[in-house]
C-alpha atoms as a PDB file:
ATOM      1  CA  MET A   1      51.058 116.970  89.665  1.00  0.00           C
ATOM      2  CA  SER A   2      52.986 114.405  88.769  1.00  0.00           C
ATOM      3  CA  ALA A   3      55.733 117.803  87.802  1.00  0.00           C
ATOM      4  CA  LYS A   4      55.049 117.988  91.286  1.00  0.00           C
ATOM      5  CA  ILE A   5      55.887 115.382  93.015  1.00  0.00           C
ATOM      6  CA  LYS A   6      59.219 114.658  91.230  1.00  0.00           C
ATOM      7  CA  PRO A   7      61.558 116.880  92.704  1.00  0.00           C
ATOM      8  CA  CYS A   8      60.163 115.342  95.327  1.00  0.00           C
ATOM      9  CA  ALA A   9      61.183 111.423  95.111  1.00  0.00           C
ATOM     10  CA  ILE A  10      64.726 112.504  93.489  1.00  0.00           C
ATOM     11  CA  ILE A  11      64.956 114.348  96.473  1.00  0.00           C
ATOM     12  CA  CYS A  12      63.757 110.884  98.779  1.00  0.00           C
ATOM     13  CA  PHE A  13      66.083 109.079  96.251  1.00  0.00           C
ATOM     14  CA  MET A  14      69.142 110.755  97.119  1.00  0.00           C
ATOM     15  CA  ILE A  15      68.474 111.154 101.103  1.00  0.00           C
ATOM     16  CA  ILE A  16      68.493 107.237 101.330  1.00  0.00           C
ATOM     17  CA  CYS A  17      71.031 107.008  98.895  1.00  0.00           C
ATOM     18  CA  ALA A  18      73.353 109.161 101.053  1.00  0.00           C
ATOM     19  CA  CYS A  19      72.000 107.043 103.948  1.00  0.00           C
ATOM     20  CA  LEU A  20      73.075 103.809 102.101  1.00  0.00           C
ATOM     21  CA  MET A  21      76.556 105.752 101.590  1.00  0.00           C
ATOM     22  CA  LEU A  22      77.425 106.292 105.197  1.00  0.00           C
ATOM     23  CA  VAL A  23      76.061 103.228 106.683  1.00  0.00           C
ATOM     24  CA  GLY A  24      78.468 101.219 104.200  1.00  0.00           C
ATOM     25  CA  SER A  25      81.257 103.573 105.360  1.00  0.00           C
ATOM     26  CA  VAL A  26      80.545 103.099 109.323  1.00  0.00           C
ATOM     27  CA  SER A  27      80.528  99.807 108.764  1.00  0.00           C
ATOM     28  CA  ALA A  28      83.719  99.391 106.744  1.00  0.00           C
ATOM     29  CA  SER A  29      85.530 101.040 109.294  1.00  0.00           C
ATOM     30  CA  GLU A  30      84.468  98.776 112.795  1.00  0.00           C
ATOM     31  CA  PRO A  31      86.919  95.386 111.714  1.00  0.00           C
ATOM     32  CA  GLY A  32      86.055  92.422 112.652  1.00  0.00           C
ATOM     33  CA  ILE A  33      87.962  89.147 113.763  1.00  0.00           C
ATOM     34  CA  SER A  34      88.487  85.890 112.509  1.00  0.00           C
ATOM     35  CA  VAL A  35      88.813  82.828 114.509  1.00  0.00           C
ATOM     36  CA  VAL A  36      90.785  80.596 112.883  1.00  0.00           C
ATOM     37  CA  GLU A  37      91.173  75.977 114.044  1.00  0.00           C
ATOM     38  CA  LYS A  38      94.171  74.638 112.367  1.00  0.00           C
ATOM     39  CA  SER A  39      96.130  71.655 112.474  1.00  0.00           C
ATOM     40  CA  PHE A  40      98.967  70.696 114.382  1.00  0.00           C
ATOM     41  CA  ASP A  41     101.346  71.190 110.647  1.00  0.00           C
ATOM     42  CA  GLY A  42      99.339  74.639 110.027  1.00  0.00           C
ATOM     43  CA  ASN A  43      98.878  73.539 106.927  1.00  0.00           C
ATOM     44  CA  ASN A  44      94.360  72.204 107.306  1.00  0.00           C
ATOM     45  CA  VAL A  45      91.855  74.733 108.289  1.00  0.00           C
ATOM     46  CA  ILE A  46      89.706  72.526 110.864  1.00  0.00           C
ATOM     47  CA  GLN A  47      86.796  74.847 110.748  1.00  0.00           C
ATOM     48  CA  GLU A  48      86.899  79.436 111.189  1.00  0.00           C
ATOM     49  CA  LYS A  49      84.735  81.280 112.150  1.00  0.00           C
ATOM     50  CA  ASN A  50      84.006  84.861 112.096  1.00  0.00           C
ATOM     51  CA  PHE A  51      83.202  87.662 113.929  1.00  0.00           C
ATOM     52  CA  THR A  52      82.032  91.474 113.130  1.00  0.00           C
ATOM     53  CA  PHE A  53      82.296  94.226 114.888  1.00  0.00           C
ATOM     54  CA  VAL A  54      78.762  94.376 116.157  1.00  0.00           C
ATOM     55  CA  ASP A  55      78.195  90.188 116.707  1.00  0.00           C
ATOM     56  CA  ILE A  56      81.368  91.584 119.156  1.00  0.00           C
ATOM     57  CA  ASN A  57      80.052  94.493 121.240  1.00  0.00           C
ATOM     58  CA  THR A  58      76.231  93.147 121.000  1.00  0.00           C
ATOM     59  CA  THR A  59      77.004  89.453 121.658  1.00  0.00           C
ATOM     60  CA  MET A  60      79.500  89.280 124.231  1.00  0.00           C
ATOM     61  CA  LYS A  61      81.365  90.705 127.421  1.00  0.00           C
ATOM     62  CA  ALA A  62      83.258  94.657 127.735  1.00  0.00           C
ATOM     63  CA  VAL A  63      85.740  93.330 129.249  1.00  0.00           C
ATOM     64  CA  GLY A  64      86.517  96.810 131.661  1.00  0.00           C
ATOM     65  CA  ALA A  65      82.855  98.294 130.512  1.00  0.00           C
ATOM     66  CA  PRO A  66      81.703 101.266 131.634  1.00  0.00           C
ATOM     67  CA  ASP A  67      84.325 103.640 132.190  1.00  0.00           C
ATOM     68  CA  GLY A  68      87.403 101.556 130.438  1.00  0.00           C
ATOM     69  CA  ILE A  69      90.610 100.483 133.160  1.00  0.00           C
ATOM     70  CA  LEU A  70      94.016 102.067 132.876  1.00  0.00           C
ATOM     71  CA  LEU A  71      96.357  98.938 131.435  1.00  0.00           C
ATOM     72  CA  SER A  72      99.801  99.477 130.412  1.00  0.00           C
ATOM     73  CA  PHE A  73     102.709  96.997 129.683  1.00  0.00           C
ATOM     74  CA  GLN A  74     106.670  97.371 130.299  1.00  0.00           C
ATOM     75  CA  GLY A  75     108.976  98.258 127.835  1.00  0.00           C
ATOM     76  CA  PRO A  76     113.341  96.729 127.565  1.00  0.00           C
ATOM     77  CA  THR A  77     114.843  98.679 130.619  1.00  0.00           C
ATOM     78  CA  PHE A  78     117.952  99.042 128.778  1.00  0.00           C
ATOM     79  CA  GLU A  79     120.222  98.053 131.837  1.00  0.00           C
ATOM     80  CA  LYS A  80     122.559  95.604 130.574  1.00  0.00           C
ATOM     81  CA  ASP A  81     123.078  94.505 134.186  1.00  0.00           C
ATOM     82  CA  ASN A  82     119.082  94.296 135.479  1.00  0.00           C
ATOM     83  CA  LEU A  83     117.628  93.614 131.792  1.00  0.00           C
ATOM     84  CA  TRP A  84     114.562  91.731 134.313  1.00  0.00           C
ATOM     85  CA  ASP A  85     113.457  94.811 136.704  1.00  0.00           C
ATOM     86  CA  PRO A  86     111.613  92.974 139.549  1.00  0.00           C
ATOM     87  CA  ASP A  87     111.056  95.744 141.443  1.00  0.00           C
ATOM     88  CA  GLN A  88     109.262  97.014 137.778  1.00  0.00           C
ATOM     89  CA  LYS A  89     110.057 100.571 138.363  1.00  0.00           C
ATOM     90  CA  ILE A  90     111.749 100.962 134.560  1.00  0.00           C
ATOM     91  CA  ASN A  91     109.447 101.725 132.063  1.00  0.00           C
ATOM     92  CA  VAL A  92     106.486 100.759 133.091  1.00  0.00           C
ATOM     93  CA  ASP A  93     104.741 102.894 131.435  1.00  0.00           C
ATOM     94  CA  ASN A  94     104.927 102.121 127.233  1.00  0.00           C
ATOM     95  CA  LEU A  95     100.447 101.835 125.680  1.00  0.00           C
ATOM     96  CA  ASN A  96      99.646 102.717 128.801  1.00  0.00           C
ATOM     97  CA  ASP A  97      95.691 103.205 128.056  1.00  0.00           C
ATOM     98  CA  THR A  98      93.014 103.559 129.345  1.00  0.00           C
ATOM     99  CA  VAL A  99      90.677 100.403 127.024  1.00  0.00           C
ATOM    100  CA  ILE A 100      87.256  98.563 127.046  1.00  0.00           C
ATOM    101  CA  GLY A 101      88.266  94.676 125.239  1.00  0.00           C
ATOM    102  CA  VAL A 102      86.917  91.364 124.700  1.00  0.00           C
ATOM    103  CA  SER A 103      87.880  88.459 125.739  1.00  0.00           C
ATOM    104  CA  VAL A 104      89.636  86.283 123.381  1.00  0.00           C
ATOM    105  CA  LYS A 105      88.566  83.195 125.231  1.00  0.00           C
ATOM    106  CA  GLU A 106      85.198  83.935 125.402  1.00  0.00           C
ATOM    107  CA  LEU A 107      85.993  85.036 121.424  1.00  0.00           C
ATOM    108  CA  LEU A 108      87.498  81.366 121.935  1.00  0.00           C
ATOM    109  CA  GLN A 109      84.975  79.848 123.262  1.00  0.00           C
ATOM    110  CA  ALA A 110      82.300  81.199 121.295  1.00  0.00           C
ATOM    111  CA  ALA A 111      84.186  80.183 117.607  1.00  0.00           C
ATOM    112  CA  ASN A 112      83.631  75.993 119.423  1.00  0.00           C
ATOM    113  CA  VAL A 113      87.475  76.112 120.436  1.00  0.00           C
ATOM    114  CA  SER A 114      88.501  73.307 122.819  1.00  0.00           C
ATOM    115  CA  GLU A 115      90.549  74.499 125.835  1.00  0.00           C
ATOM    116  CA  ASN A 116      92.941  71.381 124.687  1.00  0.00           C
ATOM    117  CA  ALA A 117      94.291  73.402 122.164  1.00  0.00           C
ATOM    118  CA  VAL A 118      97.872  74.286 121.750  1.00  0.00           C
ATOM    119  CA  ASN A 119      98.861  77.228 120.675  1.00  0.00           C
ATOM    120  CA  VAL A 120      97.153  80.710 120.000  1.00  0.00           C
ATOM    121  CA  SER A 121      98.288  83.220 117.210  1.00  0.00           C
ATOM    122  CA  PHE A 122      97.172  86.974 116.829  1.00  0.00           C
ATOM    123  CA  VAL A 123      98.066  87.779 113.515  1.00  0.00           C
ATOM    124  CA  ALA A 124      98.059  91.645 112.197  1.00  0.00           C
ATOM    125  CA  SER A 125      95.749  93.051 108.994  1.00  0.00           C
ATOM    126  CA  ASP A 126     100.021  92.902 108.344  1.00  0.00           C
ATOM    127  CA  GLY A 127     100.917  90.284 109.067  1.00  0.00           C
ATOM    128  CA  TYR A 128     103.252  90.525 111.431  1.00  0.00           C
ATOM    129  CA  LYS A 129     102.213  87.309 114.207  1.00  0.00           C
ATOM    130  CA  VAL A 130     102.273  87.552 118.227  1.00  0.00           C
ATOM    131  CA  THR A 131     101.899  83.502 119.329  1.00  0.00           C
ATOM    132  CA  LEU A 132     100.339  82.568 123.074  1.00  0.00           C
ATOM    133  CA  PRO A 133     100.032  78.871 124.818  1.00  0.00           C
ATOM    134  CA  ALA A 134      96.750  78.347 124.535  1.00  0.00           C
ATOM    135  CA  LYS A 135      96.364  78.068 128.530  1.00  0.00           C
ATOM    136  CA  ASN A 136      97.338  81.675 128.933  1.00  0.00           C
ATOM    137  CA  VAL A 137      94.323  82.252 127.393  1.00  0.00           C
ATOM    138  CA  PHE A 138      91.395  79.972 128.211  1.00  0.00           C
ATOM    139  CA  THR A 139      93.018  79.700 132.671  1.00  0.00           C
ATOM    140  CA  PRO A 140      95.008  83.107 132.644  1.00  0.00           C
ATOM    141  CA  PRO A 141      98.299  83.127 135.040  1.00  0.00           C
ATOM    142  CA  GLU A 142      97.214  85.505 137.946  1.00  0.00           C
ATOM    143  CA  GLU A 143     100.399  87.502 137.351  1.00  0.00           C
ATOM    144  CA  GLN A 144      99.119  87.685 133.863  1.00  0.00           C
ATOM    145  CA  GLY A 145      95.184  88.347 134.116  1.00  0.00           C
ATOM    146  CA  GLU A 146      92.881  87.974 131.655  1.00  0.00           C
ATOM    147  CA  VAL A 147      94.521  88.682 127.580  1.00  0.00           C
ATOM    148  CA  ILE A 148      91.326  90.649 125.927  1.00  0.00           C
ATOM    149  CA  LEU A 149      91.318  92.622 122.795  1.00  0.00           C
ATOM    150  CA  ALA A 150      90.797  95.741 122.944  1.00  0.00           C
ATOM    151  CA  TYR A 151      88.585  98.107 120.232  1.00  0.00           C
ATOM    152  CA  TRP A 152      87.864 101.534 122.507  1.00  0.00           C
ATOM    153  CA  CYS A 153      91.564 103.438 123.609  1.00  0.00           C
ATOM    154  CA  LYS A 154      91.311 106.368 125.231  1.00  0.00           C
ATOM    155  CA  ASP A 155      93.785 107.347 123.398  1.00  0.00           C
ATOM    156  CA  PRO A 156      91.904 108.224 119.901  1.00  0.00           C
ATOM    157  CA  GLU A 157      94.936 107.066 118.103  1.00  0.00           C
ATOM    158  CA  HIS A 158      94.676 103.432 119.764  1.00  0.00           C
ATOM    159  CA  THR A 159      91.194 102.809 118.100  1.00  0.00           C
ATOM    160  CA  ALA A 160      89.418  99.936 116.802  1.00  0.00           C
ATOM    161  CA  GLU A 161      89.195 101.635 113.661  1.00  0.00           C
ATOM    162  CA  LEU A 162      92.350 103.047 113.443  1.00  0.00           C
ATOM    163  CA  SER A 163      94.539 100.270 114.401  1.00  0.00           C
ATOM    164  CA  GLY A 164      92.617  97.987 115.027  1.00  0.00           C
ATOM    165  CA  TYR A 165      92.678  95.371 117.912  1.00  0.00           C
ATOM    166  CA  ARG A 166      95.515  95.554 119.849  1.00  0.00           C
ATOM    167  CA  LEU A 167      96.475  92.766 122.899  1.00  0.00           C
ATOM    168  CA  TYR A 168      96.412  93.370 126.378  1.00  0.00           C
ATOM    169  CA  PHE A 169      96.624  91.847 129.797  1.00  0.00           C
ATOM    170  CA  VAL A 170      94.706  92.323 132.270  1.00  0.00           C
ATOM    171  CA  SER A 171      97.450  92.464 135.986  1.00  0.00           C
ATOM    172  CA  PRO A 172      96.571  92.706 138.555  1.00  0.00           C
ATOM    173  CA  ASP A 173      98.249  96.027 139.090  1.00  0.00           C
ATOM    174  CA  GLY A 174      97.674  96.576 135.714  1.00  0.00           C
ATOM    175  CA  ILE A 175     101.235  97.006 134.007  1.00  0.00           C
ATOM    176  CA  TYR A 176     102.401  93.167 132.429  1.00  0.00           C
ATOM    177  CA  SER A 177     106.006  93.600 133.457  1.00  0.00           C
ATOM    178  CA  ASP A 178     108.823  92.201 131.823  1.00  0.00           C
ATOM    179  CA  THR A 179     109.369  89.858 134.914  1.00  0.00           C
ATOM    180  CA  ASP A 180     105.593  89.399 134.388  1.00  0.00           C
ATOM    181  CA  MET A 181     106.270  87.712 131.184  1.00  0.00           C
ATOM    182  CA  GLN A 182     109.351  85.424 132.714  1.00  0.00           C
ATOM    183  CA  LYS A 183     106.974  83.994 135.714  1.00  0.00           C
ATOM    184  CA  THR A 184     104.186  83.426 133.849  1.00  0.00           C
ATOM    185  CA  LEU A 185     105.385  81.971 129.761  1.00  0.00           C
ATOM    186  CA  THR A 186     108.545  80.221 128.707  1.00  0.00           C
ATOM    187  CA  GLU A 187     111.498  81.156 126.952  1.00  0.00           C
ATOM    188  CA  GLU A 188     110.173  80.312 123.717  1.00  0.00           C
ATOM    189  CA  TYR A 189     107.570  82.186 123.946  1.00  0.00           C
ATOM    190  CA  TYR A 190     109.335  86.210 125.289  1.00  0.00           C
ATOM    191  CA  HIS A 191     109.803  88.652 123.879  1.00  0.00           C
ATOM    192  CA  TYR A 192     113.205  91.179 123.319  1.00  0.00           C
ATOM    193  CA  TYR A 193     114.267  93.918 121.772  1.00  0.00           C
ATOM    194  CA  ILE A 194     117.424  94.158 120.257  1.00  0.00           C
ATOM    195  CA  ASN A 195     119.366  97.484 120.921  1.00  0.00           C
ATOM    196  CA  PRO A 196     121.474  99.009 117.890  1.00  0.00           C
ATOM    197  CA  GLY A 197     123.375 100.813 119.889  1.00  0.00           C
ATOM    198  CA  ASP A 198     124.630  98.134 121.830  1.00  0.00           C
ATOM    199  CA  ASN A 199     122.740  94.493 120.406  1.00  0.00           C
ATOM    200  CA  ILE A 200     121.752  93.762 123.431  1.00  0.00           C
ATOM    201  CA  ALA A 201     118.607  91.550 123.425  1.00  0.00           C
ATOM    202  CA  TYR A 202     116.315  93.230 126.308  1.00  0.00           C
ATOM    203  CA  PRO A 203     113.247  91.553 127.256  1.00  0.00           C
ATOM    204  CA  SER A 204     110.233  93.558 125.943  1.00  0.00           C
ATOM    205  CA  ALA A 205     106.877  92.779 127.349  1.00  0.00           C
ATOM    206  CA  LYS A 206     105.766  95.896 125.733  1.00  0.00           C
ATOM    207  CA  GLY A 207     106.394  93.489 121.888  1.00  0.00           C
ATOM    208  CA  LEU A 208     103.729  91.105 123.019  1.00  0.00           C
ATOM    209  CA  SER A 209     100.895  93.760 122.624  1.00  0.00           C
ATOM    210  CA  ILE A 210     100.139  93.087 118.476  1.00  0.00           C
ATOM    211  CA  SER A 211      98.207  95.930 116.973  1.00  0.00           C
ATOM    212  CA  LYS A 212      95.843  95.765 113.749  1.00  0.00           C
ATOM    213  CA  VAL A 213      94.670  92.258 114.786  1.00  0.00           C
ATOM    214  CA  SER A 214      92.760  90.669 112.467  1.00  0.00           C
ATOM    215  CA  GLU A 215      93.136  86.928 113.117  1.00  0.00           C
ATOM    216  CA  ILE A 216      93.584  84.597 115.651  1.00  0.00           C
ATOM    217  CA  ASP A 217      94.861  80.981 115.018  1.00  0.00           C
ATOM    218  CA  VAL A 218      94.828  78.955 116.319  1.00  0.00           C
ATOM    219  CA  GLN A 219      97.078  75.505 116.059  1.00  0.00           C
ATOM    220  CA  MET A 220      95.765  71.924 117.716  1.00  0.00           C
ATOM    221  CA  PRO A 221      97.613  68.881 119.075  1.00  0.00           C
ATOM    222  CA  GLU A 222      98.941  66.559 116.705  1.00  0.00           C
END
């Protein structure tokens, strides 16, 4: 009788192991985000809070749900006499995608970050960083809209599993333009693209849309 039970036990064991391997694989493909509150000089960590993909998807509002929201950024105009393109017509379909994401403000509030923070930096897994003034996250200007990190994109190449969380602005018309950047940020936060052809620094709002975000660093006042 024991000889009949052993093969069944072996099969059950193999099924359990396969399930555990599958769960581990799914978890590994779903990145989380760390919110790190730092001193003004960046030398000291005041507090750190880690959010898993499951945390974000089950406890926080899904901005753009259920079908996603179409958002895009304007890239460089490559016209030296029209650097900012006030009409917002040139190269405006960059990163044009339907997305669902989590509000960065909600993430910071869940991490108990005070609104008197100075800057919020989005750090990619490869070390690249984009910084915004904290006020643009907590009380975003109308032309900019809510700051979100997209974790679902209609374009499969932009999913969190492949490219990490990507920064988007939920602007009223769906396009965060170079002129919007000029209106909603001060010059130290602008992004430029230096064209090797003419060596001109062209404003490019697209450069703010950092991908592969794995950490949010918050600079607190002195």
